[in-house]
Amino acid sequence: MAQFRAKKLDLSCFINVRVIRDHTKRKVFEQYETQRQALRYIIRNTTLPQRARAQAQLQLSQMHAYTRFTQINNRCIEGGKSRGVLRHFRMARYPFRMNALEGNIPGVKKASW
């Protein structure tokens, strides 16, 4: 993980270590996504020689875990919670409710019918 950590990081926008780690994972995944897709294409291409496919598979398995999509976990940007997070707003249920009631989220208001 230290190899991906930024040298200078503005900590004012992060709540805790988990949010920083999530931010790092997202940046690393975005950086290596095209390389992973190319290797996966080579592995699945049956017209290529078996040796080239095996080398691609070895390279893919030796890549860092943060380059995988499954490592990314949606976290609340306010509290760092991983459960009950609304994907579109990247907030947990309760902070979303409080911000919506205060009018801090544009286009969101309390429903009444």
PDB file of N, CA and C in Angstrom:
ATOM      1  N   MET A   1       0.812  -1.176   0.000  1.00  0.00           N
ATOM      2  CA  MET A   1       0.000   0.000   0.000  1.00  0.00           C
ATOM      3  C   MET A   1       0.862   1.249   0.000  1.00  0.00           C
ATOM      4  N   ALA A   2       2.013   1.202   0.621  1.00  0.00           N
ATOM      5  CA  ALA A   2       2.870   2.379   0.703  1.00  0.00           C
ATOM      6  C   ALA A   2       3.327   2.835  -0.680  1.00  0.00           C
ATOM      7  N   GLN A   3       3.411   1.906  -1.616  1.00  0.00           N
ATOM      8  CA  GLN A   3       3.853   2.282  -2.956  1.00  0.00           C
ATOM      9  C   GLN A   3       2.833   3.137  -3.675  1.00  0.00           C
ATOM     10  N   PHE A   4       1.580   3.086  -3.284  1.00  0.00           N
ATOM     11  CA  PHE A   4       0.540   3.861  -3.935  1.00  0.00           C
ATOM     12  C   PHE A   4       0.185   5.135  -3.179  1.00  0.00           C
ATOM     13  N   ARG A   5       0.647   5.265  -1.941  1.00  0.00           N
ATOM     14  CA  ARG A   5       0.276   6.398  -1.118  1.00  0.00           C
ATOM     15  C   ARG A   5       0.874   7.684  -1.687  1.00  0.00           C
ATOM     16  N   ALA A   6       0.087   8.741  -1.698  1.00  0.00           N
ATOM     17  CA  ALA A   6       0.557  10.023  -2.215  1.00  0.00           C
ATOM     18  C   ALA A   6       1.583  10.621  -1.257  1.00  0.00           C
ATOM     19  N   LYS A   7       2.550  11.336  -1.809  1.00  0.00           N
ATOM     20  CA  LYS A   7       3.588  11.956  -0.983  1.00  0.00           C
ATOM     21  C   LYS A   7       2.993  13.054  -0.106  1.00  0.00           C
ATOM     22  N   LYS A   8       2.170  13.908  -0.709  1.00  0.00           N
ATOM     23  CA  LYS A   8       1.482  14.946   0.046  1.00  0.00           C
ATOM     24  C   LYS A   8      -0.010  14.753  -0.173  1.00  0.00           C
ATOM     25  N   LEU A   9      -0.753  14.694   0.916  1.00  0.00           N
ATOM     26  CA  LEU A   9      -2.181  14.443   0.830  1.00  0.00           C
ATOM     27  C   LEU A   9      -2.904  15.469   1.685  1.00  0.00           C
ATOM     28  N   ASP A  10      -3.857  16.156   1.112  1.00  0.00           N
ATOM     29  CA  ASP A  10      -4.644  17.136   1.851  1.00  0.00           C
ATOM     30  C   ASP A  10      -5.627  16.384   2.736  1.00  0.00           C
ATOM     31  N   LEU A  11      -5.353  16.337   4.032  1.00  0.00           N
ATOM     32  CA  LEU A  11      -6.163  15.545   4.948  1.00  0.00           C
ATOM     33  C   LEU A  11      -7.427  16.264   5.400  1.00  0.00           C
ATOM     34  N   SER A  12      -7.624  17.493   4.976  1.00  0.00           N
ATOM     35  CA  SER A  12      -8.782  18.243   5.439  1.00  0.00           C
ATOM     36  C   SER A  12     -10.092  17.670   4.912  1.00  0.00           C
ATOM     37  N   CYS A  13     -10.055  16.970   3.780  1.00  0.00           N
ATOM     38  CA  CYS A  13     -11.299  16.455   3.208  1.00  0.00           C
ATOM     39  C   CYS A  13     -11.575  15.001   3.603  1.00  0.00           C
ATOM     40  N   PHE A  14     -10.673  14.382   4.387  1.00  0.00           N
ATOM     41  CA  PHE A  14     -10.861  12.995   4.785  1.00  0.00           C
ATOM     42  C   PHE A  14     -11.208  12.904   6.268  1.00  0.00           C
ATOM     43  N   ILE A  15     -12.081  11.960   6.589  1.00  0.00           N
ATOM     44  CA  ILE A  15     -12.538  11.787   7.959  1.00  0.00           C
ATOM     45  C   ILE A  15     -11.624  10.851   8.740  1.00  0.00           C
ATOM     46  N   ASN A  16     -11.342   9.684   8.178  1.00  0.00           N
ATOM     47  CA  ASN A  16     -10.521   8.716   8.894  1.00  0.00           C
ATOM     48  C   ASN A  16      -9.683   7.900   7.913  1.00  0.00           C
ATOM     49  N   VAL A  17      -8.935   6.967   8.431  1.00  0.00           N
ATOM     50  CA  VAL A  17      -7.996   6.183   7.630  1.00  0.00           C
ATOM     51  C   VAL A  17      -8.725   5.348   6.581  1.00  0.00           C
ATOM     52  N   ARG A  18      -9.894   4.849   6.905  1.00  0.00           N
ATOM     53  CA  ARG A  18     -10.632   4.017   5.951  1.00  0.00           C
ATOM     54  C   ARG A  18     -11.017   4.796   4.702  1.00  0.00           C
ATOM     55  N   VAL A  19     -11.386   6.047   4.869  1.00  0.00           N
ATOM     56  CA  VAL A  19     -11.763   6.879   3.731  1.00  0.00           C
ATOM     57  C   VAL A  19     -10.532   7.181   2.880  1.00  0.00           C
ATOM     58  N   ILE A  20      -9.397   7.415   3.524  1.00  0.00           N
ATOM     59  CA  ILE A  20      -8.144   7.636   2.792  1.00  0.00           C
ATOM     60  C   ILE A  20      -7.783   6.393   1.995  1.00  0.00           C
ATOM     61  N   ARG A  21      -7.925   5.221   2.606  1.00  0.00           N
ATOM     62  CA  ARG A  21      -7.621   3.964   1.930  1.00  0.00           C
ATOM     63  C   ARG A  21      -8.558   3.741   0.748  1.00  0.00           C
ATOM     64  N   ASP A  22      -9.835   4.061   0.928  1.00  0.00           N
ATOM     65  CA  ASP A  22     -10.799   3.926  -0.168  1.00  0.00           C
ATOM     66  C   ASP A  22     -10.438   4.859  -1.314  1.00  0.00           C
ATOM     67  N   HIS A  23     -10.050   6.077  -0.990  1.00  0.00           N
ATOM     68  CA  HIS A  23      -9.647   7.042  -2.016  1.00  0.00           C
ATOM     69  C   HIS A  23      -8.425   6.519  -2.788  1.00  0.00           C
ATOM     70  N   THR A  24      -7.459   5.959  -2.067  1.00  0.00           N
ATOM     71  CA  THR A  24      -6.259   5.404  -2.700  1.00  0.00           C
ATOM     72  C   THR A  24      -6.615   4.245  -3.614  1.00  0.00           C
ATOM     73  N   LYS A  25      -7.483   3.357  -3.150  1.00  0.00           N
ATOM     74  CA  LYS A  25      -7.890   2.208  -3.955  1.00  0.00           C
ATOM     75  C   LYS A  25      -8.569   2.642  -5.245  1.00  0.00           C
ATOM     76  N   ARG A  26      -9.416   3.661  -5.169  1.00  0.00           N
ATOM     77  CA  ARG A  26     -10.102   4.155  -6.361  1.00  0.00           C
ATOM     78  C   ARG A  26      -9.121   4.737  -7.371  1.00  0.00           C
ATOM     79  N   LYS A  27      -8.141   5.493  -6.896  1.00  0.00           N
ATOM     80  CA  LYS A  27      -7.161   6.093  -7.790  1.00  0.00           C
ATOM     81  C   LYS A  27      -6.285   5.029  -8.446  1.00  0.00           C
ATOM     82  N   VAL A  28      -5.856   4.027  -7.665  1.00  0.00           N
ATOM     83  CA  VAL A  28      -5.000   2.964  -8.200  1.00  0.00           C
ATOM     84  C   VAL A  28      -5.770   2.129  -9.211  1.00  0.00           C
ATOM     85  N   PHE A  29      -7.035   1.815  -8.916  1.00  0.00           N
ATOM     86  CA  PHE A  29      -7.836   1.047  -9.850  1.00  0.00           C
ATOM     87  C   PHE A  29      -7.987   1.793 -11.166  1.00  0.00           C
ATOM     88  N   GLU A  30      -8.250   3.084 -11.094  1.00  0.00           N
ATOM     89  CA  GLU A  30      -8.409   3.888 -12.306  1.00  0.00           C
ATOM     90  C   GLU A  30      -7.116   3.921 -13.119  1.00  0.00           C
ATOM     91  N   GLN A  31      -5.997   3.948 -12.426  1.00  0.00           N
ATOM     92  CA  GLN A  31      -4.698   4.014 -13.099  1.00  0.00           C
ATOM     93  C   GLN A  31      -4.374   2.720 -13.847  1.00  0.00           C
ATOM     94  N   TYR A  32      -4.706   1.566 -13.265  1.00  0.00           N
ATOM     95  CA  TYR A  32      -4.329   0.272 -13.828  1.00  0.00           C
ATOM     96  C   TYR A  32      -5.448  -0.432 -14.583  1.00  0.00           C
ATOM     97  N   GLU A  33      -6.606   0.190 -14.710  1.00  0.00           N
ATOM     98  CA  GLU A  33      -7.764  -0.482 -15.300  1.00  0.00           C
ATOM     99  C   GLU A  33      -7.506  -0.934 -16.740  1.00  0.00           C
ATOM    100  N   THR A  34      -6.930  -0.081 -17.573  1.00  0.00           N
ATOM    101  CA  THR A  34      -6.706  -0.443 -18.979  1.00  0.00           C
ATOM    102  C   THR A  34      -5.695  -1.577 -19.103  1.00  0.00           C
ATOM    103  N   GLN A  35      -4.683  -1.570 -18.259  1.00  0.00           N
ATOM    104  CA  GLN A  35      -3.676  -2.638 -18.287  1.00  0.00           C
ATOM    105  C   GLN A  35      -4.301  -3.976 -17.903  1.00  0.00           C
ATOM    106  N   ARG A  36      -5.148  -3.970 -16.887  1.00  0.00           N
ATOM    107  CA  ARG A  36      -5.828  -5.206 -16.474  1.00  0.00           C
ATOM    108  C   ARG A  36      -6.763  -5.714 -17.575  1.00  0.00           C
ATOM    109  N   GLN A  37      -7.479  -4.805 -18.235  1.00  0.00           N
ATOM    110  CA  GLN A  37      -8.388  -5.211 -19.301  1.00  0.00           C
ATOM    111  C   GLN A  37      -7.625  -5.827 -20.465  1.00  0.00           C
ATOM    112  N   ALA A  38      -6.465  -5.264 -20.795  1.00  0.00           N
ATOM    113  CA  ALA A  38      -5.653  -5.818 -21.882  1.00  0.00           C
ATOM    114  C   ALA A  38      -5.181  -7.218 -21.540  1.00  0.00           C
ATOM    115  N   LEU A  39      -4.720  -7.414 -20.309  1.00  0.00           N
ATOM    116  CA  LEU A  39      -4.261  -8.749 -19.895  1.00  0.00           C
ATOM    117  C   LEU A  39      -5.420  -9.744 -19.900  1.00  0.00           C
ATOM    118  N   ARG A  40      -6.581  -9.325 -19.442  1.00  0.00           N
ATOM    119  CA  ARG A  40      -7.743 -10.221 -19.434  1.00  0.00           C
ATOM    120  C   ARG A  40      -8.166 -10.584 -20.847  1.00  0.00           C
ATOM    121  N   TYR A  41      -8.040  -9.639 -21.774  1.00  0.00           N
ATOM    122  CA  TYR A  41      -8.365  -9.924 -23.173  1.00  0.00           C
ATOM    123  C   TYR A  41      -7.402 -10.959 -23.739  1.00  0.00           C
ATOM    124  N   ILE A  42      -6.124 -10.827 -23.434  1.00  0.00           N
ATOM    125  CA  ILE A  42      -5.120 -11.795 -23.910  1.00  0.00           C
ATOM    126  C   ILE A  42      -5.407 -13.172 -23.341  1.00  0.00           C
ATOM    127  N   ILE A  43      -5.749 -13.250 -22.073  1.00  0.00           N
ATOM    128  CA  ILE A  43      -6.016 -14.541 -21.423  1.00  0.00           C
ATOM    129  C   ILE A  43      -7.219 -15.227 -22.066  1.00  0.00           C
ATOM    130  N   ARG A  44      -8.261 -14.475 -22.412  1.00  0.00           N
ATOM    131  CA  ARG A  44      -9.486 -15.062 -22.971  1.00  0.00           C
ATOM    132  C   ARG A  44      -9.410 -15.345 -24.464  1.00  0.00           C
ATOM    133  N   ASN A  45      -8.425 -14.782 -25.142  1.00  0.00           N
ATOM    134  CA  ASN A  45      -8.305 -14.959 -26.583  1.00  0.00           C
ATOM    135  C   ASN A  45      -7.719 -16.343 -26.882  1.00  0.00           C
ATOM    136  N   THR A  46      -8.533 -17.248 -27.397  1.00  0.00           N
ATOM    137  CA  THR A  46      -8.096 -18.628 -27.627  1.00  0.00           C
ATOM    138  C   THR A  46      -7.254 -18.776 -28.888  1.00  0.00           C
ATOM    139  N   THR A  47      -7.209 -17.754 -29.741  1.00  0.00           N
ATOM    140  CA  THR A  47      -6.409 -17.849 -30.957  1.00  0.00           C
ATOM    141  C   THR A  47      -4.923 -17.592 -30.684  1.00  0.00           C
ATOM    142  N   LEU A  48      -4.609 -16.994 -29.554  1.00  0.00           N
ATOM    143  CA  LEU A  48      -3.206 -16.745 -29.198  1.00  0.00           C
ATOM    144  C   LEU A  48      -2.547 -18.028 -28.698  1.00  0.00           C
ATOM    145  N   PRO A  49      -1.215 -18.111 -28.777  1.00  0.00           N
ATOM    146  CA  PRO A  49      -0.535 -19.298 -28.251  1.00  0.00           C
ATOM    147  C   PRO A  49      -0.700 -19.423 -26.733  1.00  0.00           C
ATOM    148  N   GLN A  50      -0.667 -20.646 -26.278  1.00  0.00           N
ATOM    149  CA  GLN A  50      -0.890 -20.937 -24.858  1.00  0.00           C
ATOM    150  C   GLN A  50       0.168 -20.272 -23.977  1.00  0.00           C
ATOM    151  N   ARG A  51       1.399 -20.191 -24.478  1.00  0.00           N
ATOM    152  CA  ARG A  51       2.481 -19.594 -23.692  1.00  0.00           C
ATOM    153  C   ARG A  51       2.216 -18.103 -23.420  1.00  0.00           C
ATOM    154  N   ALA A  52       1.759 -17.363 -24.422  1.00  0.00           N
ATOM    155  CA  ALA A  52       1.460 -15.935 -24.252  1.00  0.00           C
ATOM    156  C   ALA A  52       0.301 -15.741 -23.277  1.00  0.00           C
ATOM    157  N   ARG A  53      -0.691 -16.606 -23.380  1.00  0.00           N
ATOM    158  CA  ARG A  53      -1.832 -16.521 -22.468  1.00  0.00           C
ATOM    159  C   ARG A  53      -1.414 -16.820 -21.032  1.00  0.00           C
ATOM    160  N   ALA A  54      -0.518 -17.799 -20.863  1.00  0.00           N
ATOM    161  CA  ALA A  54      -0.036 -18.142 -19.521  1.00  0.00           C
ATOM    162  C   ALA A  54       0.785 -16.999 -18.927  1.00  0.00           C
ATOM    163  N   GLN A  55       1.602 -16.347 -19.747  1.00  0.00           N
ATOM    164  CA  GLN A  55       2.389 -15.207 -19.264  1.00  0.00           C
ATOM    165  C   GLN A  55       1.484 -14.054 -18.843  1.00  0.00           C
ATOM    166  N   ALA A  56       0.442 -13.807 -19.617  1.00  0.00           N
ATOM    167  CA  ALA A  56      -0.511 -12.753 -19.270  1.00  0.00           C
ATOM    168  C   ALA A  56      -1.225 -13.081 -17.962  1.00  0.00           C
ATOM    169  N   GLN A  57      -1.560 -14.347 -17.783  1.00  0.00           N
ATOM    170  CA  GLN A  57      -2.230 -14.765 -16.554  1.00  0.00           C
ATOM    171  C   GLN A  57      -1.305 -14.598 -15.354  1.00  0.00           C
ATOM    172  N   LEU A  58      -0.028 -14.895 -15.527  1.00  0.00           N
ATOM    173  CA  LEU A  58       0.946 -14.722 -14.448  1.00  0.00           C
ATOM    174  C   LEU A  58       1.103 -13.239 -14.101  1.00  0.00           C
ATOM    175  N   GLN A  59       1.187 -12.387 -15.113  1.00  0.00           N
ATOM    176  CA  GLN A  59       1.296 -10.951 -14.866  1.00  0.00           C
ATOM    177  C   GLN A  59       0.070 -10.419 -14.134  1.00  0.00           C
ATOM    178  N   LEU A  60      -1.099 -10.890 -14.528  1.00  0.00           N
ATOM    179  CA  LEU A  60      -2.330 -10.436 -13.899  1.00  0.00           C
ATOM    180  C   LEU A  60      -2.396 -10.871 -12.441  1.00  0.00           C
ATOM    181  N   SER A  61      -1.959 -12.084 -12.170  1.00  0.00           N
ATOM    182  CA  SER A  61      -2.017 -12.577 -10.788  1.00  0.00           C
ATOM    183  C   SER A  61      -0.982 -11.898  -9.894  1.00  0.00           C
ATOM    184  N   GLN A  62       0.075 -11.353 -10.486  1.00  0.00           N
ATOM    185  CA  GLN A  62       1.109 -10.692  -9.686  1.00  0.00           C
ATOM    186  C   GLN A  62       0.846  -9.200  -9.478  1.00  0.00           C
ATOM    187  N   MET A  63      -0.207  -8.672 -10.083  1.00  0.00           N
ATOM    188  CA  MET A  63      -0.536  -7.264  -9.876  1.00  0.00           C
ATOM    189  C   MET A  63      -1.056  -7.056  -8.460  1.00  0.00           C
ATOM    190  N   HIS A  64      -0.908  -5.852  -7.956  1.00  0.00           N
ATOM    191  CA  HIS A  64      -1.316  -5.543  -6.594  1.00  0.00           C
ATOM    192  C   HIS A  64      -2.831  -5.687  -6.433  1.00  0.00           C
ATOM    193  N   ALA A  65      -3.246  -5.989  -5.220  1.00  0.00           N
ATOM    194  CA  ALA A  65      -4.672  -6.206  -4.949  1.00  0.00           C
ATOM    195  C   ALA A  65      -5.497  -4.938  -5.175  1.00  0.00           C
ATOM    196  N   TYR A  66      -4.899  -3.766  -4.962  1.00  0.00           N
ATOM    197  CA  TYR A  66      -5.642  -2.517  -5.123  1.00  0.00           C
ATOM    198  C   TYR A  66      -6.017  -2.250  -6.573  1.00  0.00           C
ATOM    199  N   THR A  67      -5.454  -2.984  -7.517  1.00  0.00           N
ATOM    200  CA  THR A  67      -5.796  -2.776  -8.923  1.00  0.00           C
ATOM    201  C   THR A  67      -7.086  -3.496  -9.292  1.00  0.00           C
ATOM    202  N   ARG A  68      -7.643  -4.283  -8.373  1.00  0.00           N
ATOM    203  CA  ARG A  68      -8.879  -5.022  -8.644  1.00  0.00           C
ATOM    204  C   ARG A  68     -10.101  -4.188  -8.298  1.00  0.00           C
ATOM    205  N   PHE A  69     -11.150  -4.378  -9.088  1.00  0.00           N
ATOM    206  CA  PHE A  69     -12.404  -3.658  -8.853  1.00  0.00           C
ATOM    207  C   PHE A  69     -13.064  -4.098  -7.555  1.00  0.00           C
ATOM    208  N   THR A  70     -12.882  -5.357  -7.172  1.00  0.00           N
ATOM    209  CA  THR A  70     -13.548  -5.877  -5.985  1.00  0.00           C
ATOM    210  C   THR A  70     -13.004  -5.274  -4.695  1.00  0.00           C
ATOM    211  N   GLN A  71     -11.869  -4.609  -4.744  1.00  0.00           N
ATOM    212  CA  GLN A  71     -11.302  -3.999  -3.552  1.00  0.00           C
ATOM    213  C   GLN A  71     -11.992  -2.693  -3.182  1.00  0.00           C
ATOM    214  N   ILE A  72     -12.678  -2.092  -4.147  1.00  0.00           N
ATOM    215  CA  ILE A  72     -13.331  -0.809  -3.894  1.00  0.00           C
ATOM    216  C   ILE A  72     -14.623  -1.046  -3.132  1.00  0.00           C
ATOM    217  N   ASN A  73     -14.792  -0.293  -2.040  1.00  0.00           N
ATOM    218  CA  ASN A  73     -15.976  -0.418  -1.211  1.00  0.00           C
ATOM    219  C   ASN A  73     -16.579   0.978  -1.049  1.00  0.00           C
ATOM    220  N   ASN A  74     -17.866   1.117  -1.282  1.00  0.00           N
ATOM    221  CA  ASN A  74     -18.500   2.425  -1.123  1.00  0.00           C
ATOM    222  C   ASN A  74     -18.478   2.817   0.342  1.00  0.00           C
ATOM    223  N   ARG A  75     -17.951   4.005   0.625  1.00  0.00           N
ATOM    224  CA  ARG A  75     -17.880   4.515   1.985  1.00  0.00           C
ATOM    225  C   ARG A  75     -18.492   5.895   2.058  1.00  0.00           C
ATOM    226  N   CYS A  76     -19.048   6.211   3.205  1.00  0.00           N
ATOM    227  CA  CYS A  76     -19.624   7.525   3.442  1.00  0.00           C
ATOM    228  C   CYS A  76     -18.493   8.557   3.513  1.00  0.00           C
ATOM    229  N   ILE A  77     -18.646   9.654   2.794  1.00  0.00           N
ATOM    230  CA  ILE A  77     -17.594  10.668   2.801  1.00  0.00           C
ATOM    231  C   ILE A  77     -17.613  11.497   4.075  1.00  0.00           C
ATOM    232  N   GLU A  78     -18.681  11.407   4.846  1.00  0.00           N
ATOM    233  CA  GLU A  78     -18.762  12.178   6.089  1.00  0.00           C
ATOM    234  C   GLU A  78     -18.327  11.378   7.299  1.00  0.00           C
ATOM    235  N   GLY A  79     -18.738  10.114   7.377  1.00  0.00           N
ATOM    236  CA  GLY A  79     -18.433   9.336   8.571  1.00  0.00           C
ATOM    237  C   GLY A  79     -17.543   8.141   8.334  1.00  0.00           C
ATOM    238  N   GLY A  80     -17.353   7.748   7.080  1.00  0.00           N
ATOM    239  CA  GLY A  80     -16.511   6.602   6.780  1.00  0.00           C
ATOM    240  C   GLY A  80     -17.210   5.264   6.897  1.00  0.00           C
ATOM    241  N   LYS A  81     -18.524   5.271   7.128  1.00  0.00           N
ATOM    242  CA  LYS A  81     -19.264   4.009   7.242  1.00  0.00           C
ATOM    243  C   LYS A  81     -19.320   3.302   5.902  1.00  0.00           C
ATOM    244  N   SER A  82     -19.385   1.969   5.945  1.00  0.00           N
ATOM    245  CA  SER A  82     -19.449   1.206   4.705  1.00  0.00           C
ATOM    246  C   SER A  82     -20.832   0.604   4.457  1.00  0.00           C
ATOM    247  N   ARG A  83     -21.698   0.683   5.447  1.00  0.00           N
ATOM    248  CA  ARG A  83     -23.034   0.117   5.285  1.00  0.00           C
ATOM    249  C   ARG A  83     -24.080   1.213   5.188  1.00  0.00           C
ATOM    250  N   GLY A  84     -25.103   0.948   4.418  1.00  0.00           N
ATOM    251  CA  GLY A  84     -26.188   1.909   4.279  1.00  0.00           C
ATOM    252  C   GLY A  84     -25.767   3.158   3.528  1.00  0.00           C
ATOM    253  N   VAL A  85     -24.879   3.005   2.556  1.00  0.00           N
ATOM    254  CA  VAL A  85     -24.379   4.149   1.800  1.00  0.00           C
ATOM    255  C   VAL A  85     -25.192   4.308   0.523  1.00  0.00           C
ATOM    256  N   LEU A  86     -25.699   5.516   0.299  1.00  0.00           N
ATOM    257  CA  LEU A  86     -26.407   5.821  -0.942  1.00  0.00           C
ATOM    258  C   LEU A  86     -25.371   6.129  -2.006  1.00  0.00           C
ATOM    259  N   ARG A  87     -25.330   5.296  -3.040  1.00  0.00           N
ATOM    260  CA  ARG A  87     -24.273   5.359  -4.050  1.00  0.00           C
ATOM    261  C   ARG A  87     -24.170   6.715  -4.738  1.00  0.00           C
ATOM    262  N   HIS A  88     -25.311   7.267  -5.094  1.00  0.00           N
ATOM    263  CA  HIS A  88     -25.322   8.507  -5.876  1.00  0.00           C
ATOM    264  C   HIS A  88     -24.737   9.691  -5.097  1.00  0.00           C
ATOM    265  N   PHE A  89     -24.953   9.687  -3.780  1.00  0.00           N
ATOM    266  CA  PHE A  89     -24.500  10.806  -2.955  1.00  0.00           C
ATOM    267  C   PHE A  89     -23.251  10.472  -2.134  1.00  0.00           C
ATOM    268  N   ARG A  90     -22.871   9.208  -2.091  1.00  0.00           N
ATOM    269  CA  ARG A  90     -21.723   8.717  -1.313  1.00  0.00           C
ATOM    270  C   ARG A  90     -21.842   9.123   0.154  1.00  0.00           C
ATOM    271  N   MET A  91     -23.056   8.977   0.686  1.00  0.00           N
ATOM    272  CA  MET A  91     -23.316   9.286   2.090  1.00  0.00           C
ATOM    273  C   MET A  91     -24.138   8.170   2.704  1.00  0.00           C
ATOM    274  N   ALA A  92     -23.919   7.958   3.996  1.00  0.00           N
ATOM    275  CA  ALA A  92     -24.732   6.992   4.727  1.00  0.00           C
ATOM    276  C   ALA A  92     -26.137   7.563   4.909  1.00  0.00           C
ATOM    277  N   ARG A  93     -27.041   6.732   5.371  1.00  0.00           N
ATOM    278  CA  ARG A  93     -28.449   7.133   5.464  1.00  0.00           C
ATOM    279  C   ARG A  93     -28.652   8.362   6.363  1.00  0.00           C
ATOM    280  N   TYR A  94     -28.077   8.315   7.569  1.00  0.00           N
ATOM    281  CA  TYR A  94     -28.347   9.387   8.535  1.00  0.00           C
ATOM    282  C   TYR A  94     -27.718  10.723   8.118  1.00  0.00           C
ATOM    283  N   PRO A  95     -26.443  10.757   7.724  1.00  0.00           N
ATOM    284  CA  PRO A  95     -25.900  12.042   7.253  1.00  0.00           C
ATOM    285  C   PRO A  95     -26.639  12.575   6.016  1.00  0.00           C
ATOM    286  N   PHE A  96     -27.088  11.665   5.158  1.00  0.00           N
ATOM    287  CA  PHE A  96     -27.860  12.091   3.993  1.00  0.00           C
ATOM    288  C   PHE A  96     -29.155  12.750   4.443  1.00  0.00           C
ATOM    289  N   ARG A  97     -29.815  12.158   5.423  1.00  0.00           N
ATOM    290  CA  ARG A  97     -31.084  12.702   5.915  1.00  0.00           C
ATOM    291  C   ARG A  97     -30.871  14.080   6.534  1.00  0.00           C
ATOM    292  N   MET A  98     -29.825  14.210   7.352  1.00  0.00           N
ATOM    293  CA  MET A  98     -29.559  15.490   8.006  1.00  0.00           C
ATOM    294  C   MET A  98     -29.225  16.573   6.976  1.00  0.00           C
ATOM    295  N   ASN A  99     -28.388  16.263   6.001  1.00  0.00           N
ATOM    296  CA  ASN A  99     -28.033  17.241   4.970  1.00  0.00           C
ATOM    297  C   ASN A  99     -29.226  17.594   4.094  1.00  0.00           C
ATOM    298  N   ALA A 100     -30.069  16.610   3.810  1.00  0.00           N
ATOM    299  CA  ALA A 100     -31.250  16.874   2.984  1.00  0.00           C
ATOM    300  C   ALA A 100     -32.230  17.783   3.721  1.00  0.00           C
ATOM    301  N   LEU A 101     -32.424  17.556   5.013  1.00  0.00           N
ATOM    302  CA  LEU A 101     -33.340  18.386   5.790  1.00  0.00           C
ATOM    303  C   LEU A 101     -32.820  19.816   5.926  1.00  0.00           C
ATOM    304  N   GLU A 102     -31.496  19.972   5.995  1.00  0.00           N
ATOM    305  CA  GLU A 102     -30.907  21.309   6.100  1.00  0.00           C
ATOM    306  C   GLU A 102     -30.872  22.016   4.748  1.00  0.00           C
ATOM    307  N   GLY A 103     -31.091  21.253   3.674  1.00  0.00           N
ATOM    308  CA  GLY A 103     -31.073  21.845   2.336  1.00  0.00           C
ATOM    309  C   GLY A 103     -29.685  21.940   1.730  1.00  0.00           C
ATOM    310  N   ASN A 104     -28.746  21.140   2.223  1.00  0.00           N
ATOM    311  CA  ASN A 104     -27.369  21.178   1.724  1.00  0.00           C
ATOM    312  C   ASN A 104     -27.178  20.385   0.437  1.00  0.00           C
ATOM    313  N   ILE A 105     -28.126  19.512   0.117  1.00  0.00           N
ATOM    314  CA  ILE A 105     -28.015  18.683  -1.091  1.00  0.00           C
ATOM    315  C   ILE A 105     -28.982  19.252  -2.123  1.00  0.00           C
ATOM    316  N   PRO A 106     -28.452  19.784  -3.236  1.00  0.00           N
ATOM    317  CA  PRO A 106     -29.357  20.388  -4.221  1.00  0.00           C
ATOM    318  C   PRO A 106     -30.246  19.344  -4.904  1.00  0.00           C
ATOM    319  N   GLY A 107     -31.502  19.701  -5.063  1.00  0.00           N
ATOM    320  CA  GLY A 107     -32.453  18.831  -5.748  1.00  0.00           C
ATOM    321  C   GLY A 107     -33.101  17.791  -4.848  1.00  0.00           C
ATOM    322  N   VAL A 108     -32.776  17.786  -3.571  1.00  0.00           N
ATOM    323  CA  VAL A 108     -33.348  16.800  -2.642  1.00  0.00           C
ATOM    324  C   VAL A 108     -34.143  17.550  -1.586  1.00  0.00           C
ATOM    325  N   LYS A 109     -35.400  17.113  -1.416  1.00  0.00           N
ATOM    326  CA  LYS A 109     -36.216  17.697  -0.346  1.00  0.00           C
ATOM    327  C   LYS A 109     -37.098  16.596   0.217  1.00  0.00           C
ATOM    328  N   LYS A 110     -37.631  16.872   1.387  1.00  0.00           N
ATOM    329  CA  LYS A 110     -38.464  15.895   2.063  1.00  0.00           C
ATOM    330  C   LYS A 110     -39.756  15.670   1.274  1.00  0.00           C
ATOM    331  N   ALA A 111     -40.099  14.403   1.107  1.00  0.00           N
ATOM    332  CA  ALA A 111     -41.302  14.079   0.332  1.00  0.00           C
ATOM    333  C   ALA A 111     -42.545  14.349   1.144  1.00  0.00           C
ATOM    334  N   SER A 112     -43.567  14.834   0.470  1.00  0.00           N
ATOM    335  CA  SER A 112     -44.878  15.002   1.109  1.00  0.00           C
ATOM    336  C   SER A 112     -45.941  14.721   0.062  1.00  0.00           C
ATOM    337  N   TRP A 113     -46.873  13.868   0.423  1.00  0.00           N
ATOM    338  CA  TRP A 113     -47.951  13.549  -0.514  1.00  0.00           C
ATOM    339  C   TRP A 113     -49.254  13.331   0.205  1.00  0.00           C
TER     340      TRP A 113
END
